[in-house]
Amino acid sequence: MWYVYAILAIVLNLVWLFLTVLGLPGNWLMLATAGGLLWWYWKPGAPWDQQVFSLTTIIVLLALAVIGEILEFFTGMFGAKVGGGGKLSAFFSLVFSMFFGIGATFVLPVPVVGTLIGAIVGAFFGAWLGEHASSRDNKTPLKAGTGAAVGRLLGTVAKVGIGVTIYLVIAVTLFL
């Protein structure tokens, strides 16, 4: 029966990984699935290294999920700063990225592409608007917006890459 649960967890984690691509908390859901299996198959009195997941594995998965969130959250802001934008453009990049990403999920019919395009466009427009409001230069807002858009794209790619790593660690651990 263990193998049925392990295979179901792997399939469920594929769904969670897809949600990560959509910008949803799929990495955290994979971690919750691992925690649920750990709880379900907990061996009372047995040390951690004899459980489904060791304490080290759980800590590594938790650290990866946190790093993925940090990367996704701050890369658009960092991109705006690298592009020459100020604090206002970095802040607007973050806020507009979230709102455009959510809005595009419902407006554009292609789920993965819609959310990602919305977040990237939102990062660009937010950084452009923030820098345009505080700068008299016409080139700086465009550079800040471009930097924010590229940063947001790289942040999403990094978070999905971390999600793939979480998925693989869980899948391999279940069959060791």
N, C-alpha and C. Protein backbone atom coordinates (compact mmCIF):
# COMPACT_ATOMS: atom_id res chain seq x y z
N MET A 1 0.82 -1.20 0.00
CA MET A 1 0.00 0.00 0.00
C MET A 1 0.86 1.27 0.00
N TRP A 2 2.08 1.14 0.55
CA TRP A 2 2.97 2.29 0.61
C TRP A 2 3.25 2.85 -0.78
N TYR A 3 3.48 1.97 -1.74
CA TYR A 3 3.82 2.42 -3.09
C TYR A 3 2.65 3.17 -3.74
N VAL A 4 1.45 2.79 -3.43
CA VAL A 4 0.28 3.50 -3.96
C VAL A 4 0.27 4.93 -3.43
N TYR A 5 0.50 5.09 -2.12
CA TYR A 5 0.55 6.43 -1.53
C TYR A 5 1.73 7.24 -2.08
N ALA A 6 2.85 6.59 -2.26
CA ALA A 6 4.03 7.29 -2.78
C ALA A 6 3.77 7.77 -4.21
N ILE A 7 3.18 6.92 -5.03
CA ILE A 7 2.89 7.32 -6.41
C ILE A 7 1.83 8.42 -6.44
N LEU A 8 0.81 8.32 -5.58
CA LEU A 8 -0.18 9.39 -5.50
C LEU A 8 0.45 10.71 -5.07
N ALA A 9 1.38 10.65 -4.14
CA ALA A 9 2.08 11.86 -3.70
C ALA A 9 2.89 12.46 -4.84
N ILE A 10 3.54 11.61 -5.62
CA ILE A 10 4.33 12.11 -6.75
C ILE A 10 3.44 12.76 -7.80
N VAL A 11 2.30 12.15 -8.09
CA VAL A 11 1.37 12.72 -9.06
C VAL A 11 0.78 14.03 -8.53
N LEU A 12 0.39 14.03 -7.26
CA LEU A 12 -0.14 15.25 -6.64
C LEU A 12 0.90 16.36 -6.65
N ASN A 13 2.15 16.01 -6.40
CA ASN A 13 3.21 17.02 -6.42
C ASN A 13 3.45 17.57 -7.82
N LEU A 14 3.15 16.80 -8.87
CA LEU A 14 3.20 17.34 -10.23
C LEU A 14 2.16 18.44 -10.41
N VAL A 15 0.98 18.21 -9.84
CA VAL A 15 -0.07 19.25 -9.88
C VAL A 15 0.41 20.48 -9.12
N TRP A 16 1.00 20.28 -7.95
CA TRP A 16 1.49 21.41 -7.16
C TRP A 16 2.61 22.14 -7.91
N LEU A 17 3.46 21.40 -8.60
CA LEU A 17 4.53 22.03 -9.38
C LEU A 17 3.94 22.90 -10.50
N PHE A 18 2.89 22.42 -11.13
CA PHE A 18 2.20 23.22 -12.15
C PHE A 18 1.65 24.50 -11.54
N LEU A 19 1.13 24.42 -10.32
CA LEU A 19 0.63 25.63 -9.66
C LEU A 19 1.76 26.63 -9.39
N THR A 20 2.95 26.13 -9.15
CA THR A 20 4.10 27.02 -8.97
C THR A 20 4.35 27.80 -10.25
N VAL A 21 4.22 27.15 -11.40
CA VAL A 21 4.38 27.83 -12.67
C VAL A 21 3.34 28.94 -12.82
N LEU A 22 2.15 28.72 -12.28
CA LEU A 22 1.09 29.72 -12.34
C LEU A 22 1.31 30.87 -11.36
N GLY A 23 2.31 30.76 -10.52
CA GLY A 23 2.55 31.81 -9.53
C GLY A 23 1.84 31.56 -8.22
N LEU A 24 1.31 30.37 -8.05
CA LEU A 24 0.62 30.00 -6.80
C LEU A 24 1.59 29.25 -5.90
N PRO A 25 1.21 29.02 -4.65
CA PRO A 25 2.16 28.43 -3.68
C PRO A 25 2.34 26.92 -3.82
N GLY A 26 2.68 26.46 -5.01
CA GLY A 26 2.86 25.03 -5.24
C GLY A 26 4.01 24.42 -4.48
N ASN A 27 5.09 25.18 -4.29
CA ASN A 27 6.23 24.65 -3.53
C ASN A 27 5.81 24.35 -2.10
N TRP A 28 5.01 25.22 -1.53
CA TRP A 28 4.54 25.00 -0.16
C TRP A 28 3.57 23.82 -0.10
N LEU A 29 2.77 23.61 -1.14
CA LEU A 29 1.87 22.47 -1.16
C LEU A 29 2.64 21.16 -1.29
N MET A 30 3.75 21.17 -2.03
CA MET A 30 4.60 19.98 -2.08
C MET A 30 5.18 19.68 -0.71
N LEU A 31 5.59 20.72 -0.01
CA LEU A 31 6.12 20.56 1.35
C LEU A 31 5.03 20.03 2.28
N ALA A 32 3.80 20.53 2.11
CA ALA A 32 2.67 20.04 2.93
C ALA A 32 2.36 18.58 2.63
N THR A 33 2.48 18.19 1.36
CA THR A 33 2.27 16.78 1.00
C THR A 33 3.31 15.90 1.67
N ALA A 34 4.55 16.35 1.66
CA ALA A 34 5.62 15.59 2.34
C ALA A 34 5.34 15.51 3.84
N GLY A 35 4.89 16.62 4.41
CA GLY A 35 4.55 16.61 5.84
C GLY A 35 3.39 15.69 6.16
N GLY A 36 2.41 15.65 5.26
CA GLY A 36 1.28 14.74 5.45
C GLY A 36 1.70 13.28 5.40
N LEU A 37 2.57 12.95 4.48
CA LEU A 37 3.08 11.57 4.41
C LEU A 37 3.92 11.24 5.64
N LEU A 38 4.71 12.19 6.07
CA LEU A 38 5.52 11.98 7.28
C LEU A 38 4.62 11.70 8.48
N TRP A 39 3.57 12.47 8.60
CA TRP A 39 2.64 12.29 9.71
C TRP A 39 1.90 10.95 9.58
N TRP A 40 1.44 10.63 8.36
CA TRP A 40 0.65 9.42 8.14
C TRP A 40 1.46 8.15 8.43
N TYR A 41 2.73 8.17 8.07
CA TYR A 41 3.57 7.00 8.25
C TYR A 41 4.59 7.17 9.38
N TRP A 42 4.27 8.00 10.34
CA TRP A 42 5.18 8.22 11.47
C TRP A 42 5.31 6.94 12.27
N LYS A 43 6.55 6.59 12.60
CA LYS A 43 6.83 5.40 13.40
C LYS A 43 7.19 5.88 14.80
N PRO A 44 6.26 5.75 15.75
CA PRO A 44 6.54 6.24 17.11
C PRO A 44 7.75 5.54 17.71
N GLY A 45 8.60 6.33 18.31
CA GLY A 45 9.79 5.79 18.96
C GLY A 45 10.98 5.60 18.04
N ALA A 46 10.75 5.62 16.74
CA ALA A 46 11.85 5.44 15.79
C ALA A 46 12.58 6.78 15.60
N PRO A 47 13.88 6.73 15.40
CA PRO A 47 14.61 7.99 15.16
C PRO A 47 14.25 8.59 13.80
N TRP A 48 14.61 9.86 13.63
CA TRP A 48 14.27 10.58 12.41
C TRP A 48 14.81 9.90 11.15
N ASP A 49 15.98 9.31 11.24
CA ASP A 49 16.56 8.71 10.04
C ASP A 49 15.83 7.44 9.60
N GLN A 50 14.89 6.96 10.40
CA GLN A 50 14.09 5.79 10.03
C GLN A 50 12.66 6.17 9.64
N GLN A 51 12.37 7.46 9.58
CA GLN A 51 11.05 7.93 9.16
C GLN A 51 11.01 8.07 7.64
N VAL A 52 9.86 8.39 7.10
CA VAL A 52 9.70 8.56 5.65
C VAL A 52 10.66 9.63 5.14
N PHE A 53 10.70 10.76 5.84
CA PHE A 53 11.62 11.85 5.52
C PHE A 53 12.43 12.15 6.77
N SER A 54 13.73 12.32 6.60
CA SER A 54 14.56 12.68 7.74
C SER A 54 14.34 14.14 8.09
N LEU A 55 14.77 14.52 9.27
CA LEU A 55 14.67 15.92 9.69
C LEU A 55 15.48 16.81 8.75
N THR A 56 16.63 16.32 8.32
CA THR A 56 17.47 17.08 7.39
C THR A 56 16.73 17.33 6.09
N THR A 57 16.05 16.32 5.57
CA THR A 57 15.30 16.48 4.32
C THR A 57 14.21 17.52 4.48
N ILE A 58 13.48 17.48 5.57
CA ILE A 58 12.40 18.44 5.81
C ILE A 58 12.97 19.85 5.92
N ILE A 59 14.09 20.02 6.60
CA ILE A 59 14.71 21.33 6.74
C ILE A 59 15.19 21.84 5.38
N VAL A 60 15.78 20.98 4.58
CA VAL A 60 16.24 21.37 3.24
C VAL A 60 15.05 21.79 2.37
N LEU A 61 13.96 21.02 2.40
CA LEU A 61 12.77 21.36 1.63
C LEU A 61 12.19 22.70 2.07
N LEU A 62 12.14 22.93 3.37
CA LEU A 62 11.65 24.19 3.91
C LEU A 62 12.54 25.35 3.47
N ALA A 63 13.84 25.16 3.55
CA ALA A 63 14.78 26.22 3.14
C ALA A 63 14.63 26.52 1.65
N LEU A 64 14.48 25.49 0.83
CA LEU A 64 14.28 25.70 -0.61
C LEU A 64 13.01 26.49 -0.89
N ALA A 65 11.93 26.15 -0.20
CA ALA A 65 10.66 26.86 -0.41
C ALA A 65 10.80 28.34 -0.02
N VAL A 66 11.48 28.61 1.07
CA VAL A 66 11.69 30.00 1.51
C VAL A 66 12.55 30.75 0.49
N ILE A 67 13.61 30.13 0.03
CA ILE A 67 14.49 30.77 -0.96
C ILE A 67 13.72 31.06 -2.25
N GLY A 68 12.88 30.14 -2.67
CA GLY A 68 12.07 30.35 -3.87
C GLY A 68 11.15 31.56 -3.73
N GLU A 69 10.53 31.70 -2.56
CA GLU A 69 9.65 32.86 -2.34
C GLU A 69 10.43 34.16 -2.34
N ILE A 70 11.58 34.14 -1.68
CA ILE A 70 12.40 35.36 -1.62
C ILE A 70 12.85 35.77 -3.02
N LEU A 71 13.30 34.80 -3.80
CA LEU A 71 13.74 35.10 -5.16
C LEU A 71 12.61 35.68 -6.01
N GLU A 72 11.45 35.04 -5.96
CA GLU A 72 10.33 35.52 -6.76
C GLU A 72 9.88 36.90 -6.29
N PHE A 73 9.87 37.11 -5.02
CA PHE A 73 9.37 38.35 -4.44
C PHE A 73 10.26 39.55 -4.77
N PHE A 74 11.56 39.35 -4.70
CA PHE A 74 12.45 40.50 -4.78
C PHE A 74 13.16 40.70 -6.12
N THR A 75 13.10 39.75 -7.04
CA THR A 75 13.87 39.91 -8.28
C THR A 75 13.34 41.04 -9.16
N GLY A 76 12.03 41.25 -9.20
CA GLY A 76 11.50 42.37 -9.97
C GLY A 76 11.95 43.70 -9.39
N MET A 77 11.94 43.79 -8.06
CA MET A 77 12.42 45.01 -7.41
C MET A 77 13.91 45.21 -7.69
N PHE A 78 14.66 44.15 -7.59
CA PHE A 78 16.10 44.23 -7.85
C PHE A 78 16.36 44.62 -9.30
N GLY A 79 15.59 44.06 -10.21
CA GLY A 79 15.74 44.40 -11.63
C GLY A 79 15.48 45.87 -11.89
N ALA A 80 14.48 46.41 -11.21
CA ALA A 80 14.20 47.84 -11.37
C ALA A 80 15.37 48.68 -10.86
N LYS A 81 15.95 48.27 -9.75
CA LYS A 81 17.10 49.00 -9.21
C LYS A 81 18.31 48.89 -10.14
N VAL A 82 18.54 47.71 -10.69
CA VAL A 82 19.66 47.51 -11.62
C VAL A 82 19.45 48.35 -12.87
N GLY A 83 18.20 48.50 -13.30
CA GLY A 83 17.89 49.31 -14.45
C GLY A 83 17.98 50.81 -14.20
N GLY A 84 18.35 51.18 -13.00
CA GLY A 84 18.52 52.60 -12.70
C GLY A 84 17.37 53.22 -11.96
N GLY A 85 16.38 52.43 -11.59
CA GLY A 85 15.22 52.96 -10.90
C GLY A 85 15.49 53.19 -9.42
N GLY A 86 14.63 53.98 -8.83
CA GLY A 86 14.74 54.28 -7.41
C GLY A 86 13.85 53.38 -6.58
N LYS A 87 13.69 53.76 -5.31
CA LYS A 87 12.89 52.96 -4.39
C LYS A 87 11.42 52.92 -4.81
N LEU A 88 10.91 54.03 -5.31
CA LEU A 88 9.51 54.08 -5.72
C LEU A 88 9.25 53.14 -6.90
N SER A 89 10.13 53.12 -7.86
CA SER A 89 9.94 52.22 -9.01
C SER A 89 10.06 50.76 -8.58
N ALA A 90 10.96 50.47 -7.65
CA ALA A 90 11.09 49.10 -7.16
C ALA A 90 9.82 48.67 -6.43
N PHE A 91 9.29 49.55 -5.61
CA PHE A 91 8.06 49.24 -4.88
C PHE A 91 6.88 49.05 -5.83
N PHE A 92 6.72 49.98 -6.77
CA PHE A 92 5.63 49.87 -7.75
C PHE A 92 5.78 48.61 -8.60
N SER A 93 7.01 48.24 -8.90
CA SER A 93 7.25 47.02 -9.66
C SER A 93 6.67 45.81 -8.94
N LEU A 94 6.91 45.74 -7.65
CA LEU A 94 6.41 44.63 -6.84
C LEU A 94 4.88 44.63 -6.80
N VAL A 95 4.29 45.77 -6.49
CA VAL A 95 2.83 45.86 -6.34
C VAL A 95 2.12 45.59 -7.66
N PHE A 96 2.56 46.24 -8.73
CA PHE A 96 1.91 46.06 -10.02
C PHE A 96 2.10 44.65 -10.55
N SER A 97 3.23 44.05 -10.27
CA SER A 97 3.47 42.68 -10.70
C SER A 97 2.45 41.73 -10.09
N MET A 98 2.18 41.89 -8.80
CA MET A 98 1.20 41.03 -8.13
C MET A 98 -0.20 41.24 -8.71
N PHE A 99 -0.62 42.50 -8.83
CA PHE A 99 -1.97 42.78 -9.31
C PHE A 99 -2.17 42.40 -10.77
N PHE A 100 -1.20 42.70 -11.62
CA PHE A 100 -1.32 42.34 -13.03
C PHE A 100 -1.28 40.82 -13.20
N GLY A 101 -0.46 40.15 -12.42
CA GLY A 101 -0.39 38.69 -12.50
C GLY A 101 -1.72 38.04 -12.15
N ILE A 102 -2.34 38.53 -11.08
CA ILE A 102 -3.65 37.99 -10.68
C ILE A 102 -4.71 38.35 -11.72
N GLY A 103 -4.71 39.60 -12.17
CA GLY A 103 -5.69 40.03 -13.15
C GLY A 103 -5.58 39.29 -14.47
N ALA A 104 -4.35 39.09 -14.94
CA ALA A 104 -4.15 38.42 -16.22
C ALA A 104 -4.54 36.95 -16.15
N THR A 105 -4.51 36.37 -14.97
CA THR A 105 -4.93 34.98 -14.82
C THR A 105 -6.39 34.82 -15.24
N PHE A 106 -7.20 35.83 -14.93
CA PHE A 106 -8.63 35.75 -15.26
C PHE A 106 -8.95 36.34 -16.64
N VAL A 107 -8.11 37.25 -17.12
CA VAL A 107 -8.38 37.92 -18.39
C VAL A 107 -7.88 37.11 -19.59
N LEU A 108 -6.66 36.61 -19.50
CA LEU A 108 -6.09 35.84 -20.61
C LEU A 108 -6.49 34.38 -20.47
N PRO A 109 -6.95 33.73 -21.54
CA PRO A 109 -7.48 32.37 -21.43
C PRO A 109 -6.43 31.29 -21.22
N VAL A 110 -5.16 31.59 -21.44
CA VAL A 110 -4.12 30.59 -21.25
C VAL A 110 -3.55 30.76 -19.85
N PRO A 111 -3.83 29.84 -18.92
CA PRO A 111 -3.49 30.06 -17.51
C PRO A 111 -2.02 30.35 -17.23
N VAL A 112 -1.12 29.50 -17.64
CA VAL A 112 0.30 29.69 -17.29
C VAL A 112 0.83 30.95 -17.94
N VAL A 113 0.58 31.09 -19.21
CA VAL A 113 1.09 32.23 -19.97
C VAL A 113 0.45 33.52 -19.47
N GLY A 114 -0.85 33.49 -19.21
CA GLY A 114 -1.55 34.69 -18.76
C GLY A 114 -0.99 35.25 -17.46
N THR A 115 -0.78 34.39 -16.49
CA THR A 115 -0.27 34.84 -15.21
C THR A 115 1.15 35.37 -15.34
N LEU A 116 1.98 34.65 -16.06
CA LEU A 116 3.37 35.08 -16.22
C LEU A 116 3.47 36.38 -17.00
N ILE A 117 2.71 36.50 -18.09
CA ILE A 117 2.72 37.74 -18.86
C ILE A 117 2.22 38.90 -18.01
N GLY A 118 1.14 38.67 -17.27
CA GLY A 118 0.61 39.72 -16.41
C GLY A 118 1.61 40.19 -15.38
N ALA A 119 2.32 39.25 -14.76
CA ALA A 119 3.31 39.61 -13.74
C ALA A 119 4.47 40.39 -14.36
N ILE A 120 4.91 39.96 -15.52
CA ILE A 120 6.04 40.64 -16.18
C ILE A 120 5.62 42.04 -16.64
N VAL A 121 4.46 42.14 -17.27
CA VAL A 121 3.97 43.45 -17.72
C VAL A 121 3.73 44.36 -16.52
N GLY A 122 3.18 43.80 -15.46
CA GLY A 122 2.95 44.59 -14.24
C GLY A 122 4.25 45.09 -13.64
N ALA A 123 5.27 44.26 -13.62
CA ALA A 123 6.58 44.68 -13.10
C ALA A 123 7.14 45.81 -13.95
N PHE A 124 7.04 45.65 -15.28
CA PHE A 124 7.53 46.70 -16.18
C PHE A 124 6.76 48.01 -15.96
N PHE A 125 5.45 47.92 -16.02
CA PHE A 125 4.63 49.12 -15.93
C PHE A 125 4.78 49.79 -14.55
N GLY A 126 4.82 49.00 -13.50
CA GLY A 126 4.99 49.57 -12.16
C GLY A 126 6.30 50.30 -12.01
N ALA A 127 7.39 49.68 -12.47
CA ALA A 127 8.70 50.33 -12.38
C ALA A 127 8.75 51.56 -13.27
N TRP A 128 8.18 51.46 -14.47
CA TRP A 128 8.15 52.60 -15.38
C TRP A 128 7.38 53.76 -14.77
N LEU A 129 6.20 53.45 -14.21
CA LEU A 129 5.37 54.50 -13.62
C LEU A 129 6.04 55.12 -12.40
N GLY A 130 6.62 54.30 -11.55
CA GLY A 130 7.30 54.81 -10.36
C GLY A 130 8.49 55.68 -10.70
N GLU A 131 9.23 55.27 -11.70
CA GLU A 131 10.40 56.06 -12.10
C GLU A 131 9.98 57.29 -12.89
N HIS A 132 8.94 57.17 -13.68
CA HIS A 132 8.45 58.31 -14.45
C HIS A 132 7.95 59.42 -13.51
N ALA A 133 7.35 59.02 -12.39
CA ALA A 133 6.84 60.00 -11.44
C ALA A 133 7.96 60.73 -10.71
N SER A 134 9.12 60.10 -10.58
CA SER A 134 10.19 60.72 -9.79
C SER A 134 11.38 61.16 -10.62
N SER A 135 11.34 60.97 -11.94
CA SER A 135 12.49 61.30 -12.77
C SER A 135 12.08 62.24 -13.90
N ARG A 136 12.96 63.12 -14.25
CA ARG A 136 12.70 64.02 -15.38
C ARG A 136 13.29 63.44 -16.68
N ASP A 137 14.04 62.40 -16.53
CA ASP A 137 14.68 61.75 -17.67
C ASP A 137 13.68 60.80 -18.32
N ASN A 138 13.65 60.72 -19.63
CA ASN A 138 12.72 59.83 -20.33
C ASN A 138 13.29 58.43 -20.54
N LYS A 139 14.61 58.28 -20.46
CA LYS A 139 15.22 56.96 -20.69
C LYS A 139 15.24 56.10 -19.44
N THR A 140 15.38 56.72 -18.28
CA THR A 140 15.48 55.96 -17.03
C THR A 140 14.22 55.14 -16.74
N PRO A 141 13.00 55.68 -16.91
CA PRO A 141 11.82 54.84 -16.66
C PRO A 141 11.77 53.59 -17.53
N LEU A 142 12.18 53.73 -18.78
CA LEU A 142 12.18 52.57 -19.68
C LEU A 142 13.21 51.53 -19.23
N LYS A 143 14.39 51.98 -18.83
CA LYS A 143 15.41 51.05 -18.34
C LYS A 143 14.97 50.37 -17.04
N ALA A 144 14.36 51.15 -16.15
CA ALA A 144 13.89 50.58 -14.89
C ALA A 144 12.79 49.55 -15.15
N GLY A 145 11.88 49.87 -16.05
CA GLY A 145 10.80 48.95 -16.38
C GLY A 145 11.31 47.67 -17.02
N THR A 146 12.25 47.81 -17.92
CA THR A 146 12.84 46.64 -18.57
C THR A 146 13.58 45.77 -17.55
N GLY A 147 14.33 46.41 -16.68
CA GLY A 147 15.03 45.67 -15.63
C GLY A 147 14.07 44.92 -14.72
N ALA A 148 12.96 45.57 -14.36
CA ALA A 148 11.96 44.93 -13.49
C ALA A 148 11.31 43.74 -14.19
N ALA A 149 11.00 43.91 -15.48
CA ALA A 149 10.36 42.82 -16.22
C ALA A 149 11.30 41.61 -16.34
N VAL A 150 12.55 41.88 -16.68
CA VAL A 150 13.53 40.78 -16.79
C VAL A 150 13.74 40.14 -15.42
N GLY A 151 13.83 40.94 -14.40
CA GLY A 151 14.00 40.41 -13.04
C GLY A 151 12.84 39.54 -12.62
N ARG A 152 11.62 39.96 -12.93
CA ARG A 152 10.44 39.18 -12.57
C ARG A 152 10.42 37.85 -13.30
N LEU A 153 10.78 37.87 -14.58
CA LEU A 153 10.85 36.63 -15.35
C LEU A 153 11.90 35.69 -14.76
N LEU A 154 13.06 36.22 -14.44
CA LEU A 154 14.12 35.39 -13.85
C LEU A 154 13.71 34.85 -12.48
N GLY A 155 12.99 35.66 -11.70
CA GLY A 155 12.51 35.21 -10.40
C GLY A 155 11.53 34.05 -10.52
N THR A 156 10.64 34.14 -11.50
CA THR A 156 9.68 33.06 -11.72
C THR A 156 10.39 31.80 -12.18
N VAL A 157 11.35 31.95 -13.08
CA VAL A 157 12.12 30.79 -13.56
C VAL A 157 12.89 30.16 -12.40
N ALA A 158 13.47 30.99 -11.53
CA ALA A 158 14.22 30.47 -10.38
C ALA A 158 13.29 29.72 -9.42
N LYS A 159 12.10 30.28 -9.17
CA LYS A 159 11.17 29.62 -8.26
C LYS A 159 10.69 28.29 -8.83
N VAL A 160 10.43 28.25 -10.12
CA VAL A 160 10.02 26.98 -10.75
C VAL A 160 11.17 25.98 -10.70
N GLY A 161 12.40 26.45 -10.93
CA GLY A 161 13.57 25.57 -10.81
C GLY A 161 13.71 24.99 -9.42
N ILE A 162 13.48 25.82 -8.42
CA ILE A 162 13.51 25.34 -7.04
C ILE A 162 12.36 24.36 -6.80
N GLY A 163 11.20 24.63 -7.42
CA GLY A 163 10.08 23.70 -7.31
C GLY A 163 10.41 22.34 -7.90
N VAL A 164 11.10 22.33 -9.02
CA VAL A 164 11.53 21.06 -9.63
C VAL A 164 12.48 20.33 -8.69
N THR A 165 13.37 21.08 -8.05
CA THR A 165 14.30 20.47 -7.09
C THR A 165 13.54 19.86 -5.92
N ILE A 166 12.57 20.60 -5.37
CA ILE A 166 11.75 20.07 -4.27
C ILE A 166 11.03 18.80 -4.72
N TYR A 167 10.46 18.85 -5.91
CA TYR A 167 9.75 17.68 -6.45
C TYR A 167 10.67 16.47 -6.53
N LEU A 168 11.85 16.67 -7.08
CA LEU A 168 12.78 15.56 -7.25
C LEU A 168 13.27 15.02 -5.91
N VAL A 169 13.56 15.89 -4.95
CA VAL A 169 14.01 15.43 -3.63
C VAL A 169 12.93 14.57 -2.99
N ILE A 170 11.70 15.01 -3.06
CA ILE A 170 10.60 14.23 -2.47
C ILE A 170 10.44 12.90 -3.20
N ALA A 171 10.43 12.93 -4.53
CA ALA A 171 10.22 11.71 -5.31
C ALA A 171 11.32 10.69 -5.06
N VAL A 172 12.56 11.14 -5.05
CA VAL A 172 13.68 10.22 -4.83
C VAL A 172 13.64 9.67 -3.40
N THR A 173 13.36 10.54 -2.44
CA THR A 173 13.33 10.12 -1.04
C THR A 173 12.24 9.08 -0.79
N LEU A 174 11.12 9.21 -1.46
CA LEU A 174 10.03 8.26 -1.25
C LEU A 174 10.39 6.84 -1.67
N PHE A 175 11.31 6.70 -2.59
CA PHE A 175 11.65 5.37 -3.08
C PHE A 175 13.04 4.90 -2.66
N LEU A 176 13.66 5.60 -1.73
CA LEU A 176 14.94 5.13 -1.20
C LEU A 176 14.76 4.19 -0.04
